């Protein structure tokens, strides 16, 4: 929400919609179970293999919902996978997506703001890892390339719209004080996205 507020304060000539998918996550008789088949907002079905891969389920619905606005760009942000921390550490945002222009502009914004991003591949072959025999997709592709397969899963819910996914699992929380970020919640990638929006506003 800080990004939207900053864009409003800067009076950027852009129409911005922020969506926050949120739900209570706790056990109970109606809780998610391995083996469940869910029908998503998009109508696509999802086989649940891992109940810990639950955030991507509500994120997928938010992405599908976003399409009603016919967006010029979709950027989703999530602390989605622990594997991203293992791959890139605590200081780097994992970036994956289908739109080269958005990725280029985000990378430029990262250079300006110092909020580091690193692009991971999202080749078609990774989508094979989330195919299900009994539903459209599985909610996880397993341990191998799990940051990438999580993004591959999300990519199935954005249609042909320009889209980029930012996995902020590492830098969302800092474990020690840094020159401009105190220990704790970092606020990343607010600076990055505000700078990106300013780049986009100049198009």
Protein backbone atom coordinates (compact mmCIF):
# COMPACT_ATOMS: atom_id res chain seq x y z
CA UNK A 1 0.00 0.00 0.00
CA UNK A 2 2.97 2.30 0.57
CA UNK A 3 3.70 2.17 -3.16
CA UNK A 4 0.17 3.29 -4.03
CA UNK A 5 0.31 6.06 -1.40
CA UNK A 6 3.68 7.28 -2.69
CA UNK A 7 2.43 7.28 -6.28
CA UNK A 8 -0.55 9.37 -5.18
CA UNK A 9 1.66 11.81 -3.26
CA UNK A 10 3.91 12.15 -6.32
CA UNK A 11 0.83 12.68 -8.50
CA UNK A 12 2.10 10.18 -11.05
CA UNK A 13 -0.11 10.19 -14.18
CA UNK A 14 -0.88 6.48 -13.86
CA UNK A 15 -3.96 4.46 -12.96
CA UNK A 16 -2.78 2.05 -10.28
CA UNK A 17 -4.82 -0.73 -8.69
CA UNK A 18 -3.44 -2.51 -5.62
CA UNK A 19 -4.88 -5.90 -4.66
CA UNK A 20 -4.13 -7.59 -1.33
CA UNK A 21 -5.24 -11.23 -1.18
CA UNK A 22 -5.55 -12.20 2.46
CA UNK A 23 -7.06 -15.07 4.39
CA UNK A 24 -6.82 -16.68 7.79
CA UNK A 25 -4.35 -19.57 7.79
CA UNK A 26 -5.13 -22.11 10.50
CA UNK A 27 -6.06 -25.74 10.95
CA UNK A 28 -9.62 -26.98 11.27
CA UNK A 29 -12.14 -29.39 9.86
CA UNK A 30 -12.48 -27.39 6.67
CA UNK A 31 -8.78 -26.74 6.21
CA UNK A 32 -6.81 -27.50 3.07
CA UNK A 33 -5.57 -31.11 2.81
CA UNK A 34 -3.08 -32.89 0.56
CA UNK A 35 -5.03 -34.44 -2.28
CA UNK A 36 -7.70 -31.75 -2.41
CA UNK A 37 -8.74 -30.45 -5.82
CA UNK A 38 -9.61 -26.75 -5.79
CA UNK A 39 -11.42 -24.70 -8.39
CA UNK A 40 -9.71 -21.32 -8.68
CA UNK A 41 -11.34 -17.97 -9.40
CA UNK A 42 -10.22 -18.39 -13.01
CA UNK A 43 -12.05 -21.72 -13.27
CA UNK A 44 -8.80 -23.69 -13.54
CA UNK A 45 -8.42 -26.61 -11.15
CA UNK A 46 -5.50 -27.13 -8.78
CA UNK A 47 -4.30 -30.33 -7.12
CA UNK A 48 -2.98 -29.63 -3.62
CA UNK A 49 0.20 -31.60 -2.97
CA UNK A 50 1.68 -29.40 -0.25
CA UNK A 51 -0.43 -27.38 2.18
CA UNK A 52 2.57 -25.13 2.87
CA UNK A 53 2.37 -23.89 -0.73
CA UNK A 54 -0.84 -22.07 0.13
CA UNK A 55 0.08 -18.44 -0.49
CA UNK A 56 0.28 -18.98 -4.23
CA UNK A 57 -3.34 -20.18 -4.22
CA UNK A 58 -4.76 -16.86 -3.07
CA UNK A 59 -2.19 -14.98 -5.15
CA UNK A 60 -3.36 -16.86 -8.24
CA UNK A 61 -6.93 -15.73 -7.57
CA UNK A 62 -5.78 -12.12 -7.11
CA UNK A 63 -3.92 -12.25 -10.43
CA UNK A 64 -7.01 -13.63 -12.16
CA UNK A 65 -9.13 -10.91 -10.56
CA UNK A 66 -6.68 -8.24 -11.75
CA UNK A 67 -7.40 -9.12 -15.37
CA UNK A 68 -10.81 -7.44 -15.15
CA UNK A 69 -8.96 -4.09 -15.19
CA UNK A 70 -7.25 -4.92 -18.51
CA UNK A 71 -3.91 -3.83 -17.03
CA UNK A 72 -0.98 -2.48 -19.01
CA UNK A 73 1.27 -4.23 -16.49
CA UNK A 74 0.89 -6.64 -13.58
CA UNK A 75 3.53 -6.88 -10.87
CA UNK A 76 2.97 -9.23 -7.96
CA UNK A 77 5.03 -9.19 -4.78
CA UNK A 78 5.21 -12.06 -2.32
CA UNK A 79 7.42 -13.71 0.28
CA UNK A 80 6.65 -16.81 -1.72
CA UNK A 81 9.46 -19.33 -1.39
CA UNK A 82 12.16 -20.13 1.12
CA UNK A 83 14.09 -21.50 -1.84
CA UNK A 84 14.60 -17.93 -3.06
CA UNK A 85 16.47 -17.13 0.16
CA UNK A 86 18.63 -20.23 -0.32
CA UNK A 87 19.39 -19.25 -3.91
CA UNK A 88 19.88 -15.49 -3.57
CA UNK A 89 20.36 -14.78 0.13
CA UNK A 90 18.66 -12.15 2.27
CA UNK A 91 19.52 -9.07 0.21
CA UNK A 92 18.23 -9.91 -3.26
CA UNK A 93 14.75 -10.02 -4.80
CA UNK A 94 14.07 -12.85 -7.23
CA UNK A 95 12.46 -11.60 -10.45
CA UNK A 96 10.63 -13.77 -12.96
CA UNK A 97 8.16 -12.88 -15.65
CA UNK A 98 6.91 -12.79 -19.20
CA UNK A 99 7.50 -9.17 -20.13
CA UNK A 100 10.99 -8.03 -21.12
CA UNK A 101 10.19 -4.31 -20.94
CA UNK A 102 8.90 -4.47 -17.38
CA UNK A 103 11.89 -6.56 -16.30
CA UNK A 104 14.27 -4.09 -17.94
CA UNK A 105 12.62 -1.13 -16.20
CA UNK A 106 12.58 -2.89 -12.83
CA UNK A 107 16.28 -3.69 -13.23
CA UNK A 108 16.95 -0.03 -14.01
CA UNK A 109 14.97 1.02 -10.94
CA UNK A 110 16.99 -1.43 -8.87
CA UNK A 111 20.23 0.23 -10.00
CA UNK A 112 18.89 3.61 -8.90
CA UNK A 113 17.47 2.56 -5.54
CA UNK A 114 19.97 -0.07 -4.46
CA UNK A 115 17.21 -2.62 -3.94
CA UNK A 116 18.82 -5.52 -5.74
CA UNK A 117 16.96 -7.84 -8.10
CA UNK A 118 18.17 -10.92 -9.93
CA UNK A 119 16.29 -12.47 -12.81
CA UNK A 120 15.66 -16.21 -12.77
CA UNK A 121 14.60 -18.07 -15.93
CA UNK A 122 10.98 -18.93 -16.60
CA UNK A 123 11.33 -21.23 -19.59
CA UNK A 124 8.35 -23.26 -20.81
CA UNK A 125 9.97 -26.49 -19.63
CA UNK A 126 9.38 -25.51 -16.00
CA UNK A 127 5.62 -25.60 -16.59
CA UNK A 128 5.89 -29.34 -17.16
CA UNK A 129 6.78 -29.68 -13.48
CA UNK A 130 3.43 -28.30 -12.30
CA UNK A 131 1.20 -30.34 -14.60
CA UNK A 132 -1.26 -32.60 -12.81
CA UNK A 133 -2.83 -35.88 -13.92
CA UNK A 134 -6.12 -35.07 -12.18
CA UNK A 135 -6.36 -31.26 -12.37
CA UNK A 136 -5.05 -28.44 -14.53
CA UNK A 137 -2.06 -27.81 -12.27
CA UNK A 138 -0.34 -28.93 -9.07
CA UNK A 139 0.29 -26.29 -6.41
CA UNK A 140 3.96 -27.28 -6.23
CA UNK A 141 6.55 -28.76 -8.52
CA UNK A 142 8.58 -30.21 -5.64
CA UNK A 143 11.96 -29.16 -4.26
CA UNK A 144 13.80 -28.78 -7.55
CA UNK A 145 13.74 -25.20 -8.91
CA UNK A 146 10.90 -24.45 -6.51
CA UNK A 147 11.16 -20.66 -6.77
CA UNK A 148 10.85 -20.97 -10.53
CA UNK A 149 8.03 -23.51 -10.51
CA UNK A 150 6.10 -21.30 -8.07
CA UNK A 151 6.33 -18.47 -10.60
CA UNK A 152 5.45 -20.89 -13.41
CA UNK A 153 2.29 -21.72 -11.45
CA UNK A 154 1.38 -18.04 -11.11
CA UNK A 155 2.00 -17.46 -14.81
CA UNK A 156 -1.00 -19.67 -15.59
CA UNK A 157 -3.34 -17.06 -14.12
CA UNK A 158 -2.31 -13.87 -15.95
CA UNK A 159 -3.36 -14.74 -19.48
CA UNK A 160 -1.40 -12.81 -22.09
CA UNK A 161 -1.06 -9.66 -19.97
CA UNK A 162 2.41 -8.21 -19.24
CA UNK A 163 3.40 -9.68 -15.89
CA UNK A 164 6.38 -9.89 -13.53
CA UNK A 165 6.66 -11.71 -10.22
CA UNK A 166 8.95 -10.48 -7.42
CA UNK A 167 9.84 -13.00 -4.72
CA UNK A 168 10.85 -10.92 -1.71
CA UNK A 169 11.25 -13.82 0.74
CA UNK A 170 14.87 -12.84 1.44
CA UNK A 171 14.94 -9.05 1.76
CA UNK A 172 11.47 -8.54 3.28
CA UNK A 173 13.02 -9.00 6.73
CA UNK A 174 16.57 -8.10 7.70
CA UNK A 175 18.39 -9.91 10.49
CA UNK A 176 20.79 -7.06 11.30
CA UNK A 177 20.98 -3.29 11.01
CA UNK A 178 22.11 -1.91 7.67
CA UNK A 179 23.11 1.66 6.75
CA UNK A 180 19.61 2.65 5.62
CA UNK A 181 17.46 -0.26 6.83
CA UNK A 182 17.14 -1.08 10.54
CA UNK A 183 16.83 -4.69 11.67
CA UNK A 184 13.34 -6.08 11.07
CA UNK A 185 10.80 -5.44 8.34
CA UNK A 186 12.65 -3.72 5.49
CA UNK A 187 9.84 -2.22 3.43
CA UNK A 188 11.37 -3.67 0.28
CA UNK A 189 10.52 -3.24 -2.55
CA UNK A 190 8.72 0.09 -1.98
CA UNK A 191 11.61 2.25 -3.23
CA UNK A 192 12.12 -0.06 -6.19
CA UNK A 193 8.49 0.02 -7.32
CA UNK A 194 8.06 3.76 -6.81
CA UNK A 195 11.12 4.32 -9.00
CA UNK A 196 9.73 1.86 -11.55
CA UNK A 197 6.44 3.77 -11.65
CA UNK A 198 8.31 7.03 -12.21
CA UNK A 199 10.15 5.41 -15.12
CA UNK A 200 6.86 4.18 -16.52
CA UNK A 201 5.23 7.59 -16.11
CA UNK A 202 7.90 9.09 -18.39
CA UNK A 203 7.09 6.74 -21.28
